[in-house]
Amino acid sequence: MKISARNQLTGTVTAIKEGAVEAQVTLDIGGQSITAVITMDSVASLGLAVGSKATAVIKADSVMLAVD
């Protein structure tokens, strides 16, 4: 699938914290973790499970950075 988003990070699913409607899905991307909240329906339709590969697509205007 081709998409216009340039900010794509591929990694491995390390955790899925399931809720009633949504899930927190955590990816390991080169030793760093990123977590996304998606619907439970999306978890099922994407076939996500711990150990599977996934790509995070990040909308640039939704990203915030903090400096230590």
Protein backbone atom coordinates (compact mmCIF):
# COMPACT_ATOMS: atom_id res chain seq x y z
CA MET A 1 0.00 0.00 0.00
CA LYS A 2 1.37 3.41 -0.97
CA ILE A 3 0.61 6.42 1.22
CA SER A 4 1.69 10.04 1.17
CA ALA A 5 2.96 10.13 4.78
CA ARG A 6 6.73 10.36 4.98
CA ASN A 7 7.08 9.60 8.70
CA GLN A 8 6.97 5.81 8.86
CA LEU A 9 8.75 3.71 11.48
CA THR A 10 8.78 -0.09 11.17
CA GLY A 11 9.20 -2.23 14.24
CA THR A 12 8.10 -5.25 16.22
CA VAL A 13 5.03 -5.35 18.46
CA THR A 14 6.23 -5.83 22.04
CA ALA A 15 2.96 -5.32 23.94
CA ILE A 16 -0.76 -4.98 23.39
CA LYS A 17 -2.78 -3.65 26.32
CA GLU A 18 -6.39 -4.39 25.45
CA GLY A 19 -9.33 -2.33 26.63
CA ALA A 20 -13.04 -2.57 25.98
CA VAL A 21 -12.89 -0.49 22.79
CA GLU A 22 -9.24 0.55 22.28
CA ALA A 23 -5.80 -1.00 22.72
CA GLN A 24 -2.36 0.44 23.41
CA VAL A 25 0.06 -1.15 20.95
CA THR A 26 3.77 -0.76 21.66
CA LEU A 27 6.43 -1.19 18.97
CA ASP A 28 10.16 -1.64 19.44
CA ILE A 29 11.90 0.45 16.81
CA GLY A 30 15.63 -0.09 16.99
CA GLY A 31 15.73 -0.21 20.78
CA GLN A 32 13.25 2.65 21.24
CA SER A 33 9.56 2.19 22.00
CA ILE A 34 6.59 3.94 20.47
CA THR A 35 2.99 3.41 21.58
CA ALA A 36 -0.17 4.00 19.57
CA VAL A 37 -3.79 3.80 20.68
CA ILE A 38 -6.00 2.09 18.10
CA THR A 39 -9.38 0.40 18.16
CA MET A 40 -9.73 -3.25 19.11
CA ASP A 41 -11.32 -3.80 15.68
CA SER A 42 -8.11 -2.48 14.07
CA VAL A 43 -5.95 -4.79 16.20
CA ALA A 44 -8.01 -7.73 14.92
CA SER A 45 -8.23 -6.66 11.28
CA LEU A 46 -4.47 -5.95 11.13
CA GLY A 47 -3.71 -9.28 12.79
CA LEU A 48 -1.50 -7.63 15.39
CA ALA A 49 0.09 -9.82 18.04
CA VAL A 50 3.22 -9.62 20.17
CA GLY A 51 6.14 -10.43 17.89
CA SER A 52 4.47 -9.31 14.67
CA LYS A 53 5.89 -6.57 12.46
CA ALA A 54 4.04 -3.27 12.11
CA THR A 55 4.68 0.21 10.79
CA ALA A 56 3.79 3.37 12.70
CA VAL A 57 2.68 6.16 10.39
CA ILE A 58 3.08 9.50 12.15
CA LYS A 59 1.22 12.65 11.18
CA ALA A 60 3.87 15.32 11.67
CA ASP A 61 1.60 18.02 13.07
CA SER A 62 0.55 15.65 15.90
CA VAL A 63 4.06 15.06 17.26
CA MET A 64 5.39 16.95 20.28
CA LEU A 65 8.99 16.98 21.52
CA ALA A 66 10.38 17.78 24.96
CA VAL A 67 13.97 18.66 25.90
CA ASP A 68 15.55 17.26 29.11
